[in-house]
Amino acid sequence: MQHFELKGQTRKVGNKAVIKAFRKQGLIPCNLYGNKTENILFTVSEKDVKGLLYTPMSFIVDIDLEGKKFFAVLHELQFHPVKDNCLHIDFLAVDEKKPIKIDVPVVITGHAVGVQQGGKFFQNARKLKISAVMDKLPDTLPIDITKLGLDKKIKASDVKVDGITIVSDKDTVICGVQSTRNSVATETEESAE
């Protein structure tokens, strides 16, 4: 999995006025906790985190707080309801030797047989939650749909990758091919011949 480097400045607990002052300076208040780490409050530059927040990719975040380094994953984000800028970020500290739960983007490969028969392809899940140790985490989960026929679906339980456990609900439908009027008409013409 790709790493994203982020430098931050530790801060003290503050009231709303202090937090507003940070935001006016282009800083985002953050919180780091978990993995036997004491709760650490810090700020990061809004410009520095754009590559982390506005992408479909998932990252292990290497946080540098005045010389102290931590591995973390994004845990929770708060956005402004109107301006849509990030107001607060929670990071969950992780251990490189213990399994990490993280959302990983799904990448569809191939051309479904069902689409060639006139069906319509759909994709419900863009990411799946997985668990693995840091060095086994993939950047993406490739899903081959070549053998996907009419009215067939691929669920999270169908995805098998060595060294990785799928944590998402087993019944989560990732993608599938639906019958259309075209495919039904093609089938009835073939059966009439």
C-alpha atoms as a PDB file:
ATOM      1  CA  MET A   1       0.000   0.000   0.000  1.00  0.00           C
ATOM      2  CA  GLN A   2       1.159   3.524  -0.768  1.00  0.00           C
ATOM      3  CA  HIS A   3       2.327   5.802   2.032  1.00  0.00           C
ATOM      4  CA  PHE A   4       1.399   9.476   2.377  1.00  0.00           C
ATOM      5  CA  GLU A   5       3.784  11.704   4.335  1.00  0.00           C
ATOM      6  CA  LEU A   6       2.252  14.411   6.493  1.00  0.00           C
ATOM      7  CA  LYS A   7       3.925  16.947   8.797  1.00  0.00           C
ATOM      8  CA  GLY A   8       1.994  18.401  11.699  1.00  0.00           C
ATOM      9  CA  GLN A   9       2.374  20.702  14.684  1.00  0.00           C
ATOM     10  CA  THR A  10       1.161  19.549  18.095  1.00  0.00           C
ATOM     11  CA  ARG A  11      -1.454  21.751  19.772  1.00  0.00           C
ATOM     12  CA  LYS A  12      -3.179  22.065  23.113  1.00  0.00           C
ATOM     13  CA  VAL A  13      -6.885  21.548  23.774  1.00  0.00           C
ATOM     14  CA  GLY A  14      -8.649  24.754  22.818  1.00  0.00           C
ATOM     15  CA  ASN A  15     -12.089  26.310  22.797  1.00  0.00           C
ATOM     16  CA  LYS A  16     -14.111  27.167  19.670  1.00  0.00           C
ATOM     17  CA  ALA A  17     -12.299  30.482  19.205  1.00  0.00           C
ATOM     18  CA  VAL A  18      -8.896  28.770  19.130  1.00  0.00           C
ATOM     19  CA  ILE A  19     -10.145  26.158  16.632  1.00  0.00           C
ATOM     20  CA  LYS A  20     -11.656  28.911  14.416  1.00  0.00           C
ATOM     21  CA  ALA A  21      -8.328  30.776  14.487  1.00  0.00           C
ATOM     22  CA  PHE A  22      -6.544  27.617  13.260  1.00  0.00           C
ATOM     23  CA  ARG A  23      -8.999  27.250  10.381  1.00  0.00           C
ATOM     24  CA  LYS A  24      -8.592  30.918   9.378  1.00  0.00           C
ATOM     25  CA  GLN A  25      -4.831  30.270   9.064  1.00  0.00           C
ATOM     26  CA  GLY A  26      -5.510  27.372   6.662  1.00  0.00           C
ATOM     27  CA  LEU A  27      -4.853  24.702   9.301  1.00  0.00           C
ATOM     28  CA  ILE A  28      -7.017  21.652  10.041  1.00  0.00           C
ATOM     29  CA  PRO A  29      -7.296  20.442  13.661  1.00  0.00           C
ATOM     30  CA  CYS A  30      -6.466  16.720  13.918  1.00  0.00           C
ATOM     31  CA  ASN A  31      -6.524  13.975  16.490  1.00  0.00           C
ATOM     32  CA  LEU A  32      -4.341  10.826  16.644  1.00  0.00           C
ATOM     33  CA  TYR A  33      -5.313   7.906  18.893  1.00  0.00           C
ATOM     34  CA  GLY A  34      -5.281   4.106  19.128  1.00  0.00           C
ATOM     35  CA  ASN A  35      -2.560   1.415  19.233  1.00  0.00           C
ATOM     36  CA  LYS A  36      -1.566   2.268  22.822  1.00  0.00           C
ATOM     37  CA  THR A  37      -0.845   5.867  21.744  1.00  0.00           C
ATOM     38  CA  GLU A  38      -2.044   8.612  24.024  1.00  0.00           C
ATOM     39  CA  ASN A  39      -4.484  11.003  22.413  1.00  0.00           C
ATOM     40  CA  ILE A  40      -2.377  13.541  20.457  1.00  0.00           C
ATOM     41  CA  LEU A  41      -3.866  16.808  19.215  1.00  0.00           C
ATOM     42  CA  PHE A  42      -2.171  18.503  16.257  1.00  0.00           C
ATOM     43  CA  THR A  43      -2.773  20.634  13.169  1.00  0.00           C
ATOM     44  CA  VAL A  44      -1.858  20.139   9.508  1.00  0.00           C
ATOM     45  CA  SER A  45      -1.924  22.513   6.572  1.00  0.00           C
ATOM     46  CA  GLU A  46      -5.071  22.259   4.436  1.00  0.00           C
ATOM     47  CA  LYS A  47      -2.883  22.257   1.287  1.00  0.00           C
ATOM     48  CA  ASP A  48      -0.810  19.311   2.563  1.00  0.00           C
ATOM     49  CA  VAL A  49      -3.812  16.982   3.015  1.00  0.00           C
ATOM     50  CA  LYS A  50      -5.610  17.631  -0.309  1.00  0.00           C
ATOM     51  CA  GLY A  51      -3.828  14.665  -1.951  1.00  0.00           C
ATOM     52  CA  LEU A  52      -4.981  12.452   0.921  1.00  0.00           C
ATOM     53  CA  LEU A  53      -8.619  13.553   1.150  1.00  0.00           C
ATOM     54  CA  TYR A  54      -9.733  14.113  -2.433  1.00  0.00           C
ATOM     55  CA  THR A  55      -8.778  10.790  -4.017  1.00  0.00           C
ATOM     56  CA  PRO A  56     -10.396   7.356  -4.262  1.00  0.00           C
ATOM     57  CA  MET A  57      -7.103   5.737  -3.169  1.00  0.00           C
ATOM     58  CA  SER A  58      -6.326   4.592   0.376  1.00  0.00           C
ATOM     59  CA  PHE A  59      -3.034   5.324   2.119  1.00  0.00           C
ATOM     60  CA  ILE A  60      -0.998   4.507   5.189  1.00  0.00           C
ATOM     61  CA  VAL A  61      -0.253   7.973   6.579  1.00  0.00           C
ATOM     62  CA  ASP A  62       3.262   8.612   7.921  1.00  0.00           C
ATOM     63  CA  ILE A  63       2.694  11.444  10.409  1.00  0.00           C
ATOM     64  CA  ASP A  64       5.709  13.469  11.525  1.00  0.00           C
ATOM     65  CA  LEU A  65       4.964  15.528  14.647  1.00  0.00           C
ATOM     66  CA  GLU A  66       8.027  17.638  15.402  1.00  0.00           C
ATOM     67  CA  GLY A  67      10.405  14.692  14.922  1.00  0.00           C
ATOM     68  CA  LYS A  68       8.162  11.929  16.340  1.00  0.00           C
ATOM     69  CA  LYS A  69       6.868   9.544  13.641  1.00  0.00           C
ATOM     70  CA  PHE A  70       3.615   7.562  13.642  1.00  0.00           C
ATOM     71  CA  PHE A  71       1.887   5.216  11.187  1.00  0.00           C
ATOM     72  CA  ALA A  72      -1.843   5.880  10.907  1.00  0.00           C
ATOM     73  CA  VAL A  73      -4.942   5.505   8.741  1.00  0.00           C
ATOM     74  CA  LEU A  74      -7.782   7.972   8.197  1.00  0.00           C
ATOM     75  CA  HIS A  75     -10.515   7.181  10.682  1.00  0.00           C
ATOM     76  CA  GLU A  76     -13.067   9.978  10.513  1.00  0.00           C
ATOM     77  CA  LEU A  77     -13.473  13.209   8.557  1.00  0.00           C
ATOM     78  CA  GLN A  78     -15.723  16.199   9.200  1.00  0.00           C
ATOM     79  CA  PHE A  79     -16.598  18.535   6.316  1.00  0.00           C
ATOM     80  CA  HIS A  80     -18.308  21.927   6.258  1.00  0.00           C
ATOM     81  CA  PRO A  81     -21.952  21.386   5.185  1.00  0.00           C
ATOM     82  CA  VAL A  82     -21.911  24.222   2.614  1.00  0.00           C
ATOM     83  CA  LYS A  83     -18.302  25.014   1.651  1.00  0.00           C
ATOM     84  CA  ASP A  84     -17.334  21.296   1.672  1.00  0.00           C
ATOM     85  CA  ASN A  85     -13.869  21.992   3.092  1.00  0.00           C
ATOM     86  CA  CYS A  86     -12.408  19.671   5.731  1.00  0.00           C
ATOM     87  CA  LEU A  87     -12.984  20.858   9.321  1.00  0.00           C
ATOM     88  CA  HIS A  88     -11.456  18.029  11.368  1.00  0.00           C
ATOM     89  CA  ILE A  89      -9.544  14.752  10.827  1.00  0.00           C
ATOM     90  CA  ASP A  90      -9.262  11.765  13.155  1.00  0.00           C
ATOM     91  CA  PHE A  91      -6.326   9.429  12.545  1.00  0.00           C
ATOM     92  CA  LEU A  92      -6.088   5.917  13.975  1.00  0.00           C
ATOM     93  CA  ALA A  93      -2.532   4.896  14.880  1.00  0.00           C
ATOM     94  CA  VAL A  94      -1.560   1.432  13.570  1.00  0.00           C
ATOM     95  CA  ASP A  95       1.192  -1.100  14.202  1.00  0.00           C
ATOM     96  CA  GLU A  96       3.020  -2.471  11.148  1.00  0.00           C
ATOM     97  CA  LYS A  97       3.078  -5.975  12.697  1.00  0.00           C
ATOM     98  CA  LYS A  98      -0.657  -6.178  13.518  1.00  0.00           C
ATOM     99  CA  PRO A  99      -3.544  -6.486  11.018  1.00  0.00           C
ATOM    100  CA  ILE A 100      -4.954  -3.160   9.835  1.00  0.00           C
ATOM    101  CA  LYS A 101      -8.574  -2.627   8.754  1.00  0.00           C
ATOM    102  CA  ILE A 102      -8.797  -0.255   5.789  1.00  0.00           C
ATOM    103  CA  ASP A 103     -11.039   0.483   2.792  1.00  0.00           C
ATOM    104  CA  VAL A 104      -9.387  -0.426  -0.522  1.00  0.00           C
ATOM    105  CA  PRO A 105     -10.684   0.650  -3.969  1.00  0.00           C
ATOM    106  CA  VAL A 106     -12.122  -2.038  -6.261  1.00  0.00           C
ATOM    107  CA  VAL A 107     -10.778  -2.068  -9.849  1.00  0.00           C
ATOM    108  CA  ILE A 108     -12.916  -3.835 -12.471  1.00  0.00           C
ATOM    109  CA  THR A 109     -11.009  -5.626 -15.269  1.00  0.00           C
ATOM    110  CA  GLY A 110     -12.189  -7.486 -18.368  1.00  0.00           C
ATOM    111  CA  HIS A 111     -15.399  -7.436 -20.449  1.00  0.00           C
ATOM    112  CA  ALA A 112     -18.397  -9.360 -19.107  1.00  0.00           C
ATOM    113  CA  VAL A 113     -19.947 -12.078 -21.297  1.00  0.00           C
ATOM    114  CA  GLY A 114     -23.387 -10.896 -20.148  1.00  0.00           C
ATOM    115  CA  VAL A 115     -22.781  -7.402 -21.574  1.00  0.00           C
ATOM    116  CA  GLN A 116     -21.849  -8.923 -24.952  1.00  0.00           C
ATOM    117  CA  GLN A 117     -25.213 -10.753 -24.802  1.00  0.00           C
ATOM    118  CA  GLY A 118     -27.032  -7.414 -24.404  1.00  0.00           C
ATOM    119  CA  GLY A 119     -27.066  -7.066 -20.617  1.00  0.00           C
ATOM    120  CA  LYS A 120     -26.242  -3.931 -18.631  1.00  0.00           C
ATOM    121  CA  PHE A 121     -23.245  -3.821 -16.286  1.00  0.00           C
ATOM    122  CA  PHE A 122     -23.606  -2.153 -12.868  1.00  0.00           C
ATOM    123  CA  GLN A 123     -21.185  -1.522  -9.998  1.00  0.00           C
ATOM    124  CA  ASN A 124     -22.508  -1.040  -6.454  1.00  0.00           C
ATOM    125  CA  ALA A 125     -19.326  -1.085  -4.360  1.00  0.00           C
ATOM    126  CA  ARG A 126     -16.357   1.152  -5.130  1.00  0.00           C
ATOM    127  CA  LYS A 127     -14.392   0.050  -2.029  1.00  0.00           C
ATOM    128  CA  LEU A 128     -14.200  -2.998   0.241  1.00  0.00           C
ATOM    129  CA  LYS A 129     -13.019  -3.047   3.860  1.00  0.00           C
ATOM    130  CA  ILE A 130     -10.132  -5.501   4.274  1.00  0.00           C
ATOM    131  CA  SER A 131      -7.779  -6.569   7.043  1.00  0.00           C
ATOM    132  CA  ALA A 132      -4.092  -7.448   6.611  1.00  0.00           C
ATOM    133  CA  VAL A 133      -0.650  -6.629   8.004  1.00  0.00           C
ATOM    134  CA  MET A 134       0.870  -3.457   6.539  1.00  0.00           C
ATOM    135  CA  ASP A 135       3.276  -5.095   4.064  1.00  0.00           C
ATOM    136  CA  LYS A 136       0.469  -7.277   2.581  1.00  0.00           C
ATOM    137  CA  LEU A 137      -2.010  -4.411   2.015  1.00  0.00           C
ATOM    138  CA  PRO A 138      -2.726  -3.930  -1.708  1.00  0.00           C
ATOM    139  CA  ASP A 139      -3.284  -0.525  -3.368  1.00  0.00           C
ATOM    140  CA  THR A 140      -6.385  -1.878  -5.152  1.00  0.00           C
ATOM    141  CA  LEU A 141      -8.510  -5.040  -5.335  1.00  0.00           C
ATOM    142  CA  PRO A 142      -8.692  -6.179  -8.987  1.00  0.00           C
ATOM    143  CA  ILE A 143     -11.951  -7.970  -9.897  1.00  0.00           C
ATOM    144  CA  ASP A 144     -12.068  -9.853 -13.221  1.00  0.00           C
ATOM    145  CA  ILE A 145     -15.586  -9.811 -14.704  1.00  0.00           C
ATOM    146  CA  THR A 146     -14.812 -11.719 -17.941  1.00  0.00           C
ATOM    147  CA  LYS A 147     -16.977 -14.753 -16.995  1.00  0.00           C
ATOM    148  CA  LEU A 148     -19.848 -12.681 -15.563  1.00  0.00           C
ATOM    149  CA  GLY A 149     -23.039 -13.769 -17.374  1.00  0.00           C
ATOM    150  CA  LEU A 150     -26.559 -12.349 -17.578  1.00  0.00           C
ATOM    151  CA  ASP A 151     -28.242 -11.835 -14.186  1.00  0.00           C
ATOM    152  CA  LYS A 152     -25.049 -12.828 -12.339  1.00  0.00           C
ATOM    153  CA  LYS A 153     -23.375 -10.868  -9.514  1.00  0.00           C
ATOM    154  CA  ILE A 154     -20.015 -10.786  -7.767  1.00  0.00           C
ATOM    155  CA  LYS A 155     -20.275 -10.470  -3.981  1.00  0.00           C
ATOM    156  CA  ALA A 156     -17.621  -9.679  -1.376  1.00  0.00           C
ATOM    157  CA  SER A 157     -17.622 -13.383  -0.403  1.00  0.00           C
ATOM    158  CA  ASP A 158     -16.422 -14.257  -3.954  1.00  0.00           C
ATOM    159  CA  VAL A 159     -13.204 -12.211  -3.583  1.00  0.00           C
ATOM    160  CA  LYS A 160     -10.220 -14.278  -2.484  1.00  0.00           C
ATOM    161  CA  VAL A 161      -6.724 -12.787  -2.045  1.00  0.00           C
ATOM    162  CA  ASP A 162      -3.818 -14.465  -0.211  1.00  0.00           C
ATOM    163  CA  GLY A 163      -2.902 -12.857   3.116  1.00  0.00           C
ATOM    164  CA  ILE A 164      -6.007 -10.650   3.139  1.00  0.00           C
ATOM    165  CA  THR A 165      -9.308 -11.015   4.992  1.00  0.00           C
ATOM    166  CA  ILE A 166     -12.380  -9.308   3.524  1.00  0.00           C
ATOM    167  CA  VAL A 167     -14.100  -7.536   6.434  1.00  0.00           C
ATOM    168  CA  SER A 168     -16.999  -6.058   4.409  1.00  0.00           C
ATOM    169  CA  ASP A 169     -20.341  -7.849   4.719  1.00  0.00           C
ATOM    170  CA  LYS A 170     -20.132 -11.106   2.711  1.00  0.00           C
ATOM    171  CA  ASP A 171     -23.439 -10.280   0.933  1.00  0.00           C
ATOM    172  CA  THR A 172     -22.188  -6.909  -0.350  1.00  0.00           C
ATOM    173  CA  VAL A 173     -22.802  -6.885  -4.103  1.00  0.00           C
ATOM    174  CA  ILE A 174     -19.751  -5.447  -5.846  1.00  0.00           C
ATOM    175  CA  CYS A 175     -21.003  -5.616  -9.432  1.00  0.00           C
ATOM    176  CA  GLY A 176     -23.186  -7.590 -11.809  1.00  0.00           C
ATOM    177  CA  VAL A 177     -24.936  -7.785 -15.183  1.00  0.00           C
ATOM    178  CA  GLN A 178     -28.690  -7.174 -15.458  1.00  0.00           C
ATOM    179  CA  SER A 179     -30.932  -8.438 -18.245  1.00  0.00           C
ATOM    180  CA  THR A 180     -32.329  -5.734 -20.494  1.00  0.00           C
ATOM    181  CA  ARG A 181     -35.076  -5.751 -23.123  1.00  0.00           C
ATOM    182  CA  ASN A 182     -32.347  -6.222 -25.715  1.00  0.00           C
ATOM    183  CA  SER A 183     -30.936  -9.312 -24.010  1.00  0.00           C
ATOM    184  CA  VAL A 184     -34.418 -10.831 -23.518  1.00  0.00           C
ATOM    185  CA  ALA A 185     -35.286 -10.185 -27.201  1.00  0.00           C
ATOM    186  CA  THR A 186     -31.983 -11.772 -28.313  1.00  0.00           C
ATOM    187  CA  GLU A 187     -32.665 -14.845 -26.166  1.00  0.00           C
ATOM    188  CA  THR A 188     -36.212 -15.324 -27.552  1.00  0.00           C
ATOM    189  CA  GLU A 189     -34.964 -14.933 -31.155  1.00  0.00           C
ATOM    190  CA  GLU A 190     -32.239 -17.545 -30.540  1.00  0.00           C
ATOM    191  CA  SER A 191     -34.688 -19.998 -28.967  1.00  0.00           C
ATOM    192  CA  ALA A 192     -37.178 -19.498 -31.866  1.00  0.00           C
ATOM    193  CA  GLU A 193     -34.533 -20.420 -34.453  1.00  0.00           C
END
